[in-house]
């Protein structure tokens, strides 16, 4: 994806936020136990989201797991994604 959008840094700026989210979920493993999250992430990344590069597949897999467990609902996720996209597009 970096090539497609002309990004020179292969690590997207949101990767540190994703890592922080995963760390927080690992420490508070009541919502999504660490082994379960990692197993689901591996399976989803390998099968359902195999066409996505890493770390995008990790991000989408985590979102998939959180929606499936009702931690965040799909409408809220869509709204938040639209807000982020609007902020990003206003910067260009």
C-alpha atoms as a PDB file:
ATOM      1  CA  UNK A   1       0.000   0.000   0.000  1.00  0.00           C
ATOM      2  CA  UNK A   2       2.929   2.322   0.641  1.00  0.00           C
ATOM      3  CA  UNK A   3       3.870   2.196  -3.051  1.00  0.00           C
ATOM      4  CA  UNK A   4       0.281   2.726  -4.187  1.00  0.00           C
ATOM      5  CA  UNK A   5      -0.028   5.949  -2.191  1.00  0.00           C
ATOM      6  CA  UNK A   6       3.561   7.150  -2.588  1.00  0.00           C
ATOM      7  CA  UNK A   7       4.480   6.713   1.059  1.00  0.00           C
ATOM      8  CA  UNK A   8       8.199   6.416   1.712  1.00  0.00           C
ATOM      9  CA  UNK A   9       7.957   5.200   5.312  1.00  0.00           C
ATOM     10  CA  UNK A  10       6.888   1.530   5.227  1.00  0.00           C
ATOM     11  CA  UNK A  11       5.584   1.757   8.808  1.00  0.00           C
ATOM     12  CA  UNK A  12       2.300   3.679   8.766  1.00  0.00           C
ATOM     13  CA  UNK A  13       1.846   6.354  11.449  1.00  0.00           C
ATOM     14  CA  UNK A  14      -1.123   4.492  12.930  1.00  0.00           C
ATOM     15  CA  UNK A  15       0.971   1.357  13.610  1.00  0.00           C
ATOM     16  CA  UNK A  16       2.095   2.648  17.022  1.00  0.00           C
ATOM     17  CA  UNK A  17      -1.561   3.235  17.967  1.00  0.00           C
ATOM     18  CA  UNK A  18      -2.414  -0.295  16.829  1.00  0.00           C
ATOM     19  CA  UNK A  19       0.452  -1.708  18.890  1.00  0.00           C
ATOM     20  CA  UNK A  20      -0.734   0.291  21.899  1.00  0.00           C
ATOM     21  CA  UNK A  21      -4.290  -0.990  21.452  1.00  0.00           C
ATOM     22  CA  UNK A  22      -3.034  -4.577  21.289  1.00  0.00           C
ATOM     23  CA  UNK A  23      -0.859  -4.022  24.384  1.00  0.00           C
ATOM     24  CA  UNK A  24      -3.849  -2.605  26.277  1.00  0.00           C
ATOM     25  CA  UNK A  25      -5.996  -5.554  25.213  1.00  0.00           C
ATOM     26  CA  UNK A  26      -3.227  -7.935  26.313  1.00  0.00           C
ATOM     27  CA  UNK A  27      -3.031  -6.320  29.760  1.00  0.00           C
ATOM     28  CA  UNK A  28      -6.808  -6.236  30.164  1.00  0.00           C
ATOM     29  CA  UNK A  29      -7.439  -9.600  28.562  1.00  0.00           C
ATOM     30  CA  UNK A  30     -11.019  -9.941  29.824  1.00  0.00           C
ATOM     31  CA  UNK A  31     -12.597  -8.652  26.604  1.00  0.00           C
ATOM     32  CA  UNK A  32     -10.378 -10.479  24.144  1.00  0.00           C
ATOM     33  CA  UNK A  33      -7.904 -12.912  25.758  1.00  0.00           C
ATOM     34  CA  UNK A  34      -4.399 -12.585  24.309  1.00  0.00           C
ATOM     35  CA  UNK A  35      -4.048 -16.110  22.895  1.00  0.00           C
ATOM     36  CA  UNK A  36      -7.545 -15.895  21.403  1.00  0.00           C
ATOM     37  CA  UNK A  37      -6.846 -12.497  19.833  1.00  0.00           C
ATOM     38  CA  UNK A  38      -3.569 -13.647  18.333  1.00  0.00           C
ATOM     39  CA  UNK A  39      -5.012 -16.909  17.034  1.00  0.00           C
ATOM     40  CA  UNK A  40      -7.964 -15.084  15.461  1.00  0.00           C
ATOM     41  CA  UNK A  41      -5.640 -12.471  13.999  1.00  0.00           C
ATOM     42  CA  UNK A  42      -3.450 -15.175  12.451  1.00  0.00           C
ATOM     43  CA  UNK A  43      -6.422 -17.066  10.989  1.00  0.00           C
ATOM     44  CA  UNK A  44      -8.141 -13.950   9.660  1.00  0.00           C
ATOM     45  CA  UNK A  45      -4.884 -12.569   8.226  1.00  0.00           C
ATOM     46  CA  UNK A  46      -4.069 -15.882   6.591  1.00  0.00           C
ATOM     47  CA  UNK A  47      -7.486 -16.562   5.104  1.00  0.00           C
ATOM     48  CA  UNK A  48     -10.060 -13.785   5.061  1.00  0.00           C
ATOM     49  CA  UNK A  49      -7.639 -10.852   4.744  1.00  0.00           C
ATOM     50  CA  UNK A  50      -4.780 -12.571   2.930  1.00  0.00           C
ATOM     51  CA  UNK A  51      -4.857  -9.983   0.129  1.00  0.00           C
ATOM     52  CA  UNK A  52      -3.930  -7.212   2.559  1.00  0.00           C
ATOM     53  CA  UNK A  53      -0.304  -6.536   3.440  1.00  0.00           C
ATOM     54  CA  UNK A  54       0.925  -6.462   7.032  1.00  0.00           C
ATOM     55  CA  UNK A  55       0.203  -4.407   9.207  1.00  0.00           C
ATOM     56  CA  UNK A  56      -3.080  -3.555   7.457  1.00  0.00           C
ATOM     57  CA  UNK A  57      -4.202  -7.169   7.826  1.00  0.00           C
ATOM     58  CA  UNK A  58      -3.481  -6.973  11.563  1.00  0.00           C
ATOM     59  CA  UNK A  59      -5.588  -3.827  11.893  1.00  0.00           C
ATOM     60  CA  UNK A  60      -8.531  -5.239   9.941  1.00  0.00           C
ATOM     61  CA  UNK A  61      -8.363  -8.534  11.827  1.00  0.00           C
ATOM     62  CA  UNK A  62      -8.449  -6.733  15.180  1.00  0.00           C
ATOM     63  CA  UNK A  63     -11.410  -4.617  14.074  1.00  0.00           C
ATOM     64  CA  UNK A  64     -13.158  -7.787  12.882  1.00  0.00           C
ATOM     65  CA  UNK A  65     -12.659  -9.457  16.283  1.00  0.00           C
ATOM     66  CA  UNK A  66     -13.815  -6.395  18.237  1.00  0.00           C
ATOM     67  CA  UNK A  67     -16.984  -6.049  16.140  1.00  0.00           C
ATOM     68  CA  UNK A  68     -17.697  -9.784  16.371  1.00  0.00           C
ATOM     69  CA  UNK A  69     -17.499  -9.564  20.184  1.00  0.00           C
ATOM     70  CA  UNK A  70     -19.624  -6.436  20.436  1.00  0.00           C
ATOM     71  CA  UNK A  71     -16.799  -4.311  21.845  1.00  0.00           C
ATOM     72  CA  UNK A  72     -17.543  -1.756  19.131  1.00  0.00           C
ATOM     73  CA  UNK A  73     -20.498  -1.861  16.779  1.00  0.00           C
ATOM     74  CA  UNK A  74     -20.131  -1.633  13.036  1.00  0.00           C
ATOM     75  CA  UNK A  75     -21.958   1.706  12.729  1.00  0.00           C
ATOM     76  CA  UNK A  76     -19.692   3.331  15.306  1.00  0.00           C
ATOM     77  CA  UNK A  77     -16.639   1.926  13.566  1.00  0.00           C
ATOM     78  CA  UNK A  78     -17.846   3.280  10.203  1.00  0.00           C
ATOM     79  CA  UNK A  79     -18.510   6.704  11.718  1.00  0.00           C
ATOM     80  CA  UNK A  80     -15.084   6.842  13.369  1.00  0.00           C
ATOM     81  CA  UNK A  81     -13.385   5.762  10.140  1.00  0.00           C
ATOM     82  CA  UNK A  82     -15.235   8.500   8.230  1.00  0.00           C
ATOM     83  CA  UNK A  83     -14.104  11.071  10.809  1.00  0.00           C
ATOM     84  CA  UNK A  84     -10.472   9.988  10.482  1.00  0.00           C
ATOM     85  CA  UNK A  85     -10.675   9.978   6.681  1.00  0.00           C
ATOM     86  CA  UNK A  86     -12.140  13.508   6.710  1.00  0.00           C
ATOM     87  CA  UNK A  87      -9.310  14.731   8.935  1.00  0.00           C
ATOM     88  CA  UNK A  88      -6.702  13.132   6.694  1.00  0.00           C
ATOM     89  CA  UNK A  89      -8.247  14.510   3.514  1.00  0.00           C
ATOM     90  CA  UNK A  90      -8.472  18.014   4.974  1.00  0.00           C
ATOM     91  CA  UNK A  91      -4.673  17.980   5.397  1.00  0.00           C
ATOM     92  CA  UNK A  92      -3.946  17.449   1.700  1.00  0.00           C
END
